[in-house]
């Protein structure tokens, strides 16, 4: 995919953080393999086993302990493919020349390198701006909506196929009917949380894709991915 001048700002420091549940089965492995295609050997793999405490952590700065750290140098594609296996409670990190390029862990996948581009936009990206870039790609386009920060359980992902630029119609006709916004149960709940018909307008007001727990991931027929970085409010293309 040819990026315009505003998009050609990616460099080795650009990265994208993808929630694990945003990806379909086997998709993380495919993304890692694709990300490493233009990388030069040797690579270094570091695996860290994470010990989870049986006690509930009360503070965000209480990190789980690490042990069983292993490091291996990889000098060929064949050796790399044999090493791309993951287990639970494990952090898998790939380094090239002292800098990391891939990190895979229980909660997600992070890719870093010049394959990741940041789209220059004004202010925090909203849904309309995101889809302006997505619909420039080749159809059909796979869409994954994560609404854990607003409407749905954290790992509940809604997946659709966009066959034309009418992304608003897809949300109205396919996504909104599945949300099943609960009705108010009593008068006091009705006063504090009034029930109304869910429309595209109310959805775009309430759903902010840059809030932690929410996301939109798009993958077009040219194998280009689009993602809103909820940390910085940018669009990442990779």
C-alpha atoms as a PDB file:
ATOM      1  CA  UNK A   1       0.000   0.000   0.000  1.00  0.00           C
ATOM      2  CA  UNK A   2       1.358   3.413  -0.996  1.00  0.00           C
ATOM      3  CA  UNK A   3       1.080   5.879   1.849  1.00  0.00           C
ATOM      4  CA  UNK A   4       0.697   9.597   1.253  1.00  0.00           C
ATOM      5  CA  UNK A   5       3.191  12.157   2.549  1.00  0.00           C
ATOM      6  CA  UNK A   6       1.319  12.586   5.828  1.00  0.00           C
ATOM      7  CA  UNK A   7       1.591   8.840   6.442  1.00  0.00           C
ATOM      8  CA  UNK A   8       5.257   8.386   5.605  1.00  0.00           C
ATOM      9  CA  UNK A   9       6.382   9.325   9.088  1.00  0.00           C
ATOM     10  CA  UNK A  10       7.062   5.849  10.418  1.00  0.00           C
ATOM     11  CA  UNK A  11      10.531   5.048  11.711  1.00  0.00           C
ATOM     12  CA  UNK A  12      12.149   2.456  13.929  1.00  0.00           C
ATOM     13  CA  UNK A  13      10.530   4.020  16.991  1.00  0.00           C
ATOM     14  CA  UNK A  14       6.959   3.535  15.727  1.00  0.00           C
ATOM     15  CA  UNK A  15       5.057   0.701  17.359  1.00  0.00           C
ATOM     16  CA  UNK A  16       1.526  -0.662  17.598  1.00  0.00           C
ATOM     17  CA  UNK A  17       0.016  -2.456  20.610  1.00  0.00           C
ATOM     18  CA  UNK A  18      -2.749  -4.928  19.727  1.00  0.00           C
ATOM     19  CA  UNK A  19      -4.978  -6.570  22.355  1.00  0.00           C
ATOM     20  CA  UNK A  20      -4.691 -10.327  22.088  1.00  0.00           C
ATOM     21  CA  UNK A  21      -8.446 -10.822  21.825  1.00  0.00           C
ATOM     22  CA  UNK A  22      -8.550  -8.464  18.818  1.00  0.00           C
ATOM     23  CA  UNK A  23      -6.768 -11.132  16.785  1.00  0.00           C
ATOM     24  CA  UNK A  24      -8.274 -14.306  15.395  1.00  0.00           C
ATOM     25  CA  UNK A  25      -6.720 -17.692  16.092  1.00  0.00           C
ATOM     26  CA  UNK A  26      -3.300 -17.928  14.441  1.00  0.00           C
ATOM     27  CA  UNK A  27      -3.346 -14.277  13.365  1.00  0.00           C
ATOM     28  CA  UNK A  28      -0.680 -13.174  15.868  1.00  0.00           C
ATOM     29  CA  UNK A  29       1.768 -15.727  14.452  1.00  0.00           C
ATOM     30  CA  UNK A  30       1.054 -14.568  10.885  1.00  0.00           C
ATOM     31  CA  UNK A  31       1.607 -10.942  11.890  1.00  0.00           C
ATOM     32  CA  UNK A  32       4.918 -11.791  13.538  1.00  0.00           C
ATOM     33  CA  UNK A  33       6.121 -13.738  10.500  1.00  0.00           C
ATOM     34  CA  UNK A  34       5.106 -10.930   8.154  1.00  0.00           C
ATOM     35  CA  UNK A  35       6.715  -8.305  10.384  1.00  0.00           C
ATOM     36  CA  UNK A  36      10.042 -10.136  10.313  1.00  0.00           C
ATOM     37  CA  UNK A  37      10.180 -10.699   6.541  1.00  0.00           C
ATOM     38  CA  UNK A  38      12.398  -7.691   5.860  1.00  0.00           C
ATOM     39  CA  UNK A  39      14.479  -8.066   9.022  1.00  0.00           C
ATOM     40  CA  UNK A  40      18.110  -9.149   8.883  1.00  0.00           C
ATOM     41  CA  UNK A  41      19.529 -12.076  10.835  1.00  0.00           C
ATOM     42  CA  UNK A  42      20.745 -12.842  13.422  1.00  0.00           C
ATOM     43  CA  UNK A  43      17.797 -12.330  15.756  1.00  0.00           C
ATOM     44  CA  UNK A  44      17.745 -12.852  19.481  1.00  0.00           C
ATOM     45  CA  UNK A  45      14.774 -14.431  21.232  1.00  0.00           C
ATOM     46  CA  UNK A  46      14.173 -13.874  24.914  1.00  0.00           C
ATOM     47  CA  UNK A  47      11.503 -15.785  26.812  1.00  0.00           C
ATOM     48  CA  UNK A  48      10.370 -14.902  30.305  1.00  0.00           C
ATOM     49  CA  UNK A  49       8.035 -16.969  32.446  1.00  0.00           C
ATOM     50  CA  UNK A  50       5.678 -14.802  34.528  1.00  0.00           C
ATOM     51  CA  UNK A  51       4.691 -15.962  38.000  1.00  0.00           C
ATOM     52  CA  UNK A  52       1.201 -14.841  38.947  1.00  0.00           C
ATOM     53  CA  UNK A  53       0.438 -14.136  42.565  1.00  0.00           C
ATOM     54  CA  UNK A  54      -2.516 -15.929  44.098  1.00  0.00           C
ATOM     55  CA  UNK A  55      -3.326 -12.727  45.965  1.00  0.00           C
ATOM     56  CA  UNK A  56      -5.154  -9.904  44.288  1.00  0.00           C
ATOM     57  CA  UNK A  57      -2.828  -7.007  43.504  1.00  0.00           C
ATOM     58  CA  UNK A  58      -4.157  -3.699  44.825  1.00  0.00           C
ATOM     59  CA  UNK A  59      -1.731  -1.309  43.170  1.00  0.00           C
ATOM     60  CA  UNK A  60      -0.919  -0.909  39.494  1.00  0.00           C
ATOM     61  CA  UNK A  61       2.816  -0.730  40.202  1.00  0.00           C
ATOM     62  CA  UNK A  62       2.886  -4.212  41.751  1.00  0.00           C
ATOM     63  CA  UNK A  63       4.238  -6.166  38.773  1.00  0.00           C
ATOM     64  CA  UNK A  64       4.240  -9.964  38.614  1.00  0.00           C
ATOM     65  CA  UNK A  65       7.619 -11.589  39.168  1.00  0.00           C
ATOM     66  CA  UNK A  66       9.698 -13.001  36.320  1.00  0.00           C
ATOM     67  CA  UNK A  67      11.809 -16.130  36.347  1.00  0.00           C
ATOM     68  CA  UNK A  68      13.234 -18.718  33.933  1.00  0.00           C
ATOM     69  CA  UNK A  69      14.544 -16.140  31.488  1.00  0.00           C
ATOM     70  CA  UNK A  70      16.066 -17.859  28.455  1.00  0.00           C
ATOM     71  CA  UNK A  71      17.876 -16.282  25.500  1.00  0.00           C
ATOM     72  CA  UNK A  72      18.636 -17.814  22.100  1.00  0.00           C
ATOM     73  CA  UNK A  73      20.273 -16.483  18.924  1.00  0.00           C
ATOM     74  CA  UNK A  74      18.464 -17.277  15.650  1.00  0.00           C
ATOM     75  CA  UNK A  75      20.393 -17.181  12.374  1.00  0.00           C
ATOM     76  CA  UNK A  76      17.914 -18.500   9.783  1.00  0.00           C
ATOM     77  CA  UNK A  77      14.244 -18.452   8.800  1.00  0.00           C
ATOM     78  CA  UNK A  78      13.923 -22.194   9.357  1.00  0.00           C
ATOM     79  CA  UNK A  79      15.229 -21.941  12.908  1.00  0.00           C
ATOM     80  CA  UNK A  80      12.956 -18.969  13.596  1.00  0.00           C
ATOM     81  CA  UNK A  81       9.809 -20.799  12.481  1.00  0.00           C
ATOM     82  CA  UNK A  82      10.574 -23.621  14.903  1.00  0.00           C
ATOM     83  CA  UNK A  83      10.919 -21.092  17.738  1.00  0.00           C
ATOM     84  CA  UNK A  84       7.640 -19.239  17.127  1.00  0.00           C
ATOM     85  CA  UNK A  85       5.727 -21.156  19.755  1.00  0.00           C
ATOM     86  CA  UNK A  86       4.073 -19.593  22.769  1.00  0.00           C
ATOM     87  CA  UNK A  87       2.830 -20.797  26.124  1.00  0.00           C
ATOM     88  CA  UNK A  88       0.624 -19.190  28.751  1.00  0.00           C
ATOM     89  CA  UNK A  89       2.231 -16.857  31.296  1.00  0.00           C
ATOM     90  CA  UNK A  90       5.146 -16.291  28.946  1.00  0.00           C
ATOM     91  CA  UNK A  91       6.558 -13.096  27.470  1.00  0.00           C
ATOM     92  CA  UNK A  92       8.224 -13.636  24.099  1.00  0.00           C
ATOM     93  CA  UNK A  93      10.479 -10.823  22.831  1.00  0.00           C
ATOM     94  CA  UNK A  94      12.504 -10.645  19.595  1.00  0.00           C
ATOM     95  CA  UNK A  95      15.525  -8.360  19.358  1.00  0.00           C
ATOM     96  CA  UNK A  96      17.570  -7.185  16.380  1.00  0.00           C
ATOM     97  CA  UNK A  97      20.793  -5.282  16.914  1.00  0.00           C
ATOM     98  CA  UNK A  98      20.010  -4.680  20.567  1.00  0.00           C
ATOM     99  CA  UNK A  99      16.529  -3.229  19.966  1.00  0.00           C
ATOM    100  CA  UNK A 100      13.267  -5.168  20.276  1.00  0.00           C
ATOM    101  CA  UNK A 101      10.935  -5.544  17.279  1.00  0.00           C
ATOM    102  CA  UNK A 102       8.293  -7.996  18.539  1.00  0.00           C
ATOM    103  CA  UNK A 103       6.779  -8.605  21.966  1.00  0.00           C
ATOM    104  CA  UNK A 104       4.092 -11.238  22.486  1.00  0.00           C
ATOM    105  CA  UNK A 105       2.515 -11.786  25.888  1.00  0.00           C
ATOM    106  CA  UNK A 106      -0.665 -12.912  27.580  1.00  0.00           C
ATOM    107  CA  UNK A 107      -2.587  -9.701  26.904  1.00  0.00           C
ATOM    108  CA  UNK A 108      -1.408  -8.774  23.438  1.00  0.00           C
ATOM    109  CA  UNK A 109       1.074  -8.318  20.632  1.00  0.00           C
ATOM    110  CA  UNK A 110       3.374  -5.332  20.112  1.00  0.00           C
ATOM    111  CA  UNK A 111       5.174  -4.698  16.817  1.00  0.00           C
ATOM    112  CA  UNK A 112       7.897  -2.085  16.390  1.00  0.00           C
ATOM    113  CA  UNK A 113       9.791  -1.080  13.274  1.00  0.00           C
ATOM    114  CA  UNK A 114       9.645   0.905  10.063  1.00  0.00           C
ATOM    115  CA  UNK A 115       6.763  -1.289   8.809  1.00  0.00           C
ATOM    116  CA  UNK A 116       4.514   0.536  11.283  1.00  0.00           C
ATOM    117  CA  UNK A 117       3.379   3.941  10.062  1.00  0.00           C
ATOM    118  CA  UNK A 118       1.680   6.688  12.030  1.00  0.00           C
ATOM    119  CA  UNK A 119      -0.920   8.749  10.200  1.00  0.00           C
ATOM    120  CA  UNK A 120      -0.550  12.451  10.918  1.00  0.00           C
ATOM    121  CA  UNK A 121      -3.943  13.805  12.020  1.00  0.00           C
ATOM    122  CA  UNK A 122      -5.250  16.804  13.911  1.00  0.00           C
ATOM    123  CA  UNK A 123      -6.216  16.008  17.494  1.00  0.00           C
ATOM    124  CA  UNK A 124      -7.356  12.642  18.833  1.00  0.00           C
ATOM    125  CA  UNK A 125      -8.617  10.373  16.068  1.00  0.00           C
ATOM    126  CA  UNK A 126     -12.354   9.807  15.891  1.00  0.00           C
ATOM    127  CA  UNK A 127     -14.204   7.038  14.093  1.00  0.00           C
ATOM    128  CA  UNK A 128     -14.946   9.099  10.983  1.00  0.00           C
ATOM    129  CA  UNK A 129     -11.272   9.965  10.494  1.00  0.00           C
ATOM    130  CA  UNK A 130     -10.271   6.338  10.963  1.00  0.00           C
ATOM    131  CA  UNK A 131     -12.670   5.055   8.324  1.00  0.00           C
ATOM    132  CA  UNK A 132     -11.622   7.755   5.853  1.00  0.00           C
ATOM    133  CA  UNK A 133      -8.290   5.921   5.699  1.00  0.00           C
ATOM    134  CA  UNK A 134      -9.680   2.401   5.949  1.00  0.00           C
ATOM    135  CA  UNK A 135     -12.031   2.682   2.952  1.00  0.00           C
ATOM    136  CA  UNK A 136      -9.121   3.740   0.725  1.00  0.00           C
ATOM    137  CA  UNK A 137      -7.931   0.155   0.934  1.00  0.00           C
ATOM    138  CA  UNK A 138      -8.981  -2.871  -1.093  1.00  0.00           C
ATOM    139  CA  UNK A 139     -12.329  -4.526  -0.372  1.00  0.00           C
ATOM    140  CA  UNK A 140     -13.444  -6.698   1.274  1.00  0.00           C
ATOM    141  CA  UNK A 141     -12.185  -5.325   4.589  1.00  0.00           C
ATOM    142  CA  UNK A 142     -12.376  -7.303   7.829  1.00  0.00           C
ATOM    143  CA  UNK A 143     -13.429  -5.273  10.869  1.00  0.00           C
ATOM    144  CA  UNK A 144     -13.110  -6.185  14.536  1.00  0.00           C
ATOM    145  CA  UNK A 145     -14.815  -3.963  17.124  1.00  0.00           C
ATOM    146  CA  UNK A 146     -13.847  -4.216  20.788  1.00  0.00           C
ATOM    147  CA  UNK A 147     -16.327  -2.408  23.025  1.00  0.00           C
ATOM    148  CA  UNK A 148     -15.046  -3.433  26.455  1.00  0.00           C
ATOM    149  CA  UNK A 149     -14.565   0.163  27.595  1.00  0.00           C
ATOM    150  CA  UNK A 150     -18.166   1.180  26.871  1.00  0.00           C
ATOM    151  CA  UNK A 151     -20.789  -1.434  26.045  1.00  0.00           C
ATOM    152  CA  UNK A 152     -19.662  -5.022  26.306  1.00  0.00           C
ATOM    153  CA  UNK A 153     -17.545  -7.486  28.266  1.00  0.00           C
ATOM    154  CA  UNK A 154     -13.846  -6.750  27.840  1.00  0.00           C
ATOM    155  CA  UNK A 155     -13.031  -9.668  25.544  1.00  0.00           C
ATOM    156  CA  UNK A 156     -16.277  -9.621  23.561  1.00  0.00           C
ATOM    157  CA  UNK A 157     -15.274  -8.792  19.972  1.00  0.00           C
ATOM    158  CA  UNK A 158     -17.730  -8.140  17.133  1.00  0.00           C
ATOM    159  CA  UNK A 159     -16.425  -9.107  13.655  1.00  0.00           C
ATOM    160  CA  UNK A 160     -17.813  -8.021  10.293  1.00  0.00           C
ATOM    161  CA  UNK A 161     -16.877  -7.779   6.617  1.00  0.00           C
ATOM    162  CA  UNK A 162     -17.082  -4.378   4.892  1.00  0.00           C
ATOM    163  CA  UNK A 163     -17.754  -4.799   1.164  1.00  0.00           C
ATOM    164  CA  UNK A 164     -18.075  -1.121   0.224  1.00  0.00           C
ATOM    165  CA  UNK A 165     -17.368   2.339   1.710  1.00  0.00           C
ATOM    166  CA  UNK A 166     -20.707   2.406   3.586  1.00  0.00           C
ATOM    167  CA  UNK A 167     -19.196   1.701   7.033  1.00  0.00           C
ATOM    168  CA  UNK A 168     -21.977   3.700   8.709  1.00  0.00           C
ATOM    169  CA  UNK A 169     -24.579   1.404   7.213  1.00  0.00           C
ATOM    170  CA  UNK A 170     -22.676  -1.644   8.432  1.00  0.00           C
ATOM    171  CA  UNK A 171     -22.604  -0.310  12.002  1.00  0.00           C
ATOM    172  CA  UNK A 172     -26.317   0.557  11.933  1.00  0.00           C
ATOM    173  CA  UNK A 173     -27.483  -2.660  10.266  1.00  0.00           C
ATOM    174  CA  UNK A 174     -25.125  -5.248  11.795  1.00  0.00           C
ATOM    175  CA  UNK A 175     -23.332  -3.970  14.896  1.00  0.00           C
ATOM    176  CA  UNK A 176     -25.997  -1.979  16.758  1.00  0.00           C
ATOM    177  CA  UNK A 177     -28.640  -4.764  16.698  1.00  0.00           C
ATOM    178  CA  UNK A 178     -26.136  -7.086  18.412  1.00  0.00           C
ATOM    179  CA  UNK A 179     -25.333  -4.715  21.275  1.00  0.00           C
ATOM    180  CA  UNK A 180     -28.690  -5.345  22.973  1.00  0.00           C
ATOM    181  CA  UNK A 181     -28.535  -2.251  25.193  1.00  0.00           C
ATOM    182  CA  UNK A 182     -30.360  -3.244  28.417  1.00  0.00           C
ATOM    183  CA  UNK A 183     -33.682  -1.602  29.211  1.00  0.00           C
ATOM    184  CA  UNK A 184     -34.245   0.283  32.466  1.00  0.00           C
ATOM    185  CA  UNK A 185     -35.715  -2.014  35.150  1.00  0.00           C
ATOM    186  CA  UNK A 186     -37.391   0.538  37.393  1.00  0.00           C
ATOM    187  CA  UNK A 187     -38.340   4.196  37.560  1.00  0.00           C
ATOM    188  CA  UNK A 188     -35.222   5.278  39.463  1.00  0.00           C
ATOM    189  CA  UNK A 189     -32.952   3.554  36.975  1.00  0.00           C
ATOM    190  CA  UNK A 190     -35.004   5.120  34.200  1.00  0.00           C
ATOM    191  CA  UNK A 191     -34.400   8.589  35.643  1.00  0.00           C
ATOM    192  CA  UNK A 192     -30.667   8.105  36.182  1.00  0.00           C
ATOM    193  CA  UNK A 193     -30.001   6.033  33.049  1.00  0.00           C
ATOM    194  CA  UNK A 194     -32.749   6.825  30.531  1.00  0.00           C
ATOM    195  CA  UNK A 195     -33.368   4.177  27.888  1.00  0.00           C
ATOM    196  CA  UNK A 196     -33.294   5.310  24.289  1.00  0.00           C
ATOM    197  CA  UNK A 197     -33.061   3.792  20.861  1.00  0.00           C
ATOM    198  CA  UNK A 198     -29.447   3.078  19.916  1.00  0.00           C
ATOM    199  CA  UNK A 199     -28.571   4.910  16.690  1.00  0.00           C
ATOM    200  CA  UNK A 200     -25.361   5.575  14.823  1.00  0.00           C
ATOM    201  CA  UNK A 201     -25.331   9.091  16.276  1.00  0.00           C
ATOM    202  CA  UNK A 202     -25.656   7.960  19.899  1.00  0.00           C
ATOM    203  CA  UNK A 203     -23.167   5.137  19.293  1.00  0.00           C
ATOM    204  CA  UNK A 204     -20.456   7.447  17.925  1.00  0.00           C
ATOM    205  CA  UNK A 205     -21.033   9.848  20.847  1.00  0.00           C
ATOM    206  CA  UNK A 206     -20.733   7.117  23.494  1.00  0.00           C
ATOM    207  CA  UNK A 207     -18.163   4.836  21.892  1.00  0.00           C
ATOM    208  CA  UNK A 208     -14.671   6.302  21.825  1.00  0.00           C
ATOM    209  CA  UNK A 209     -12.208   3.925  20.110  1.00  0.00           C
ATOM    210  CA  UNK A 210      -9.280   5.617  21.884  1.00  0.00           C
ATOM    211  CA  UNK A 211     -10.503   4.568  25.360  1.00  0.00           C
ATOM    212  CA  UNK A 212      -8.724   1.595  26.917  1.00  0.00           C
ATOM    213  CA  UNK A 213     -10.862  -1.479  26.328  1.00  0.00           C
ATOM    214  CA  UNK A 214     -12.272  -0.167  23.056  1.00  0.00           C
ATOM    215  CA  UNK A 215     -10.701  -0.613  19.637  1.00  0.00           C
ATOM    216  CA  UNK A 216     -11.339  -0.966  15.920  1.00  0.00           C
ATOM    217  CA  UNK A 217      -9.022  -3.173  13.888  1.00  0.00           C
ATOM    218  CA  UNK A 218      -9.339  -3.259  10.098  1.00  0.00           C
ATOM    219  CA  UNK A 219      -7.609  -5.622   7.670  1.00  0.00           C
ATOM    220  CA  UNK A 220      -8.099  -5.045   3.941  1.00  0.00           C
ATOM    221  CA  UNK A 221      -7.671  -7.351   0.935  1.00  0.00           C
ATOM    222  CA  UNK A 222      -4.178  -5.951   0.310  1.00  0.00           C
ATOM    223  CA  UNK A 223      -3.095  -7.362   3.721  1.00  0.00           C
ATOM    224  CA  UNK A 224      -2.867  -3.869   5.239  1.00  0.00           C
ATOM    225  CA  UNK A 225      -3.947  -3.371   8.854  1.00  0.00           C
ATOM    226  CA  UNK A 226      -5.396  -0.195  10.399  1.00  0.00           C
ATOM    227  CA  UNK A 227      -5.654   0.381  14.138  1.00  0.00           C
ATOM    228  CA  UNK A 228      -6.400   3.319  16.442  1.00  0.00           C
ATOM    229  CA  UNK A 229      -3.653   3.621  19.023  1.00  0.00           C
ATOM    230  CA  UNK A 230      -5.717   4.295  22.164  1.00  0.00           C
ATOM    231  CA  UNK A 231      -2.617   5.432  24.052  1.00  0.00           C
ATOM    232  CA  UNK A 232      -1.750   8.334  21.753  1.00  0.00           C
ATOM    233  CA  UNK A 233      -4.964   8.698  19.759  1.00  0.00           C
ATOM    234  CA  UNK A 234      -3.182   8.050  16.435  1.00  0.00           C
ATOM    235  CA  UNK A 235      -3.967   5.804  13.492  1.00  0.00           C
ATOM    236  CA  UNK A 236      -1.356   3.107  12.950  1.00  0.00           C
ATOM    237  CA  UNK A 237      -1.017   1.367   9.592  1.00  0.00           C
ATOM    238  CA  UNK A 238       1.086  -1.758   9.260  1.00  0.00           C
END
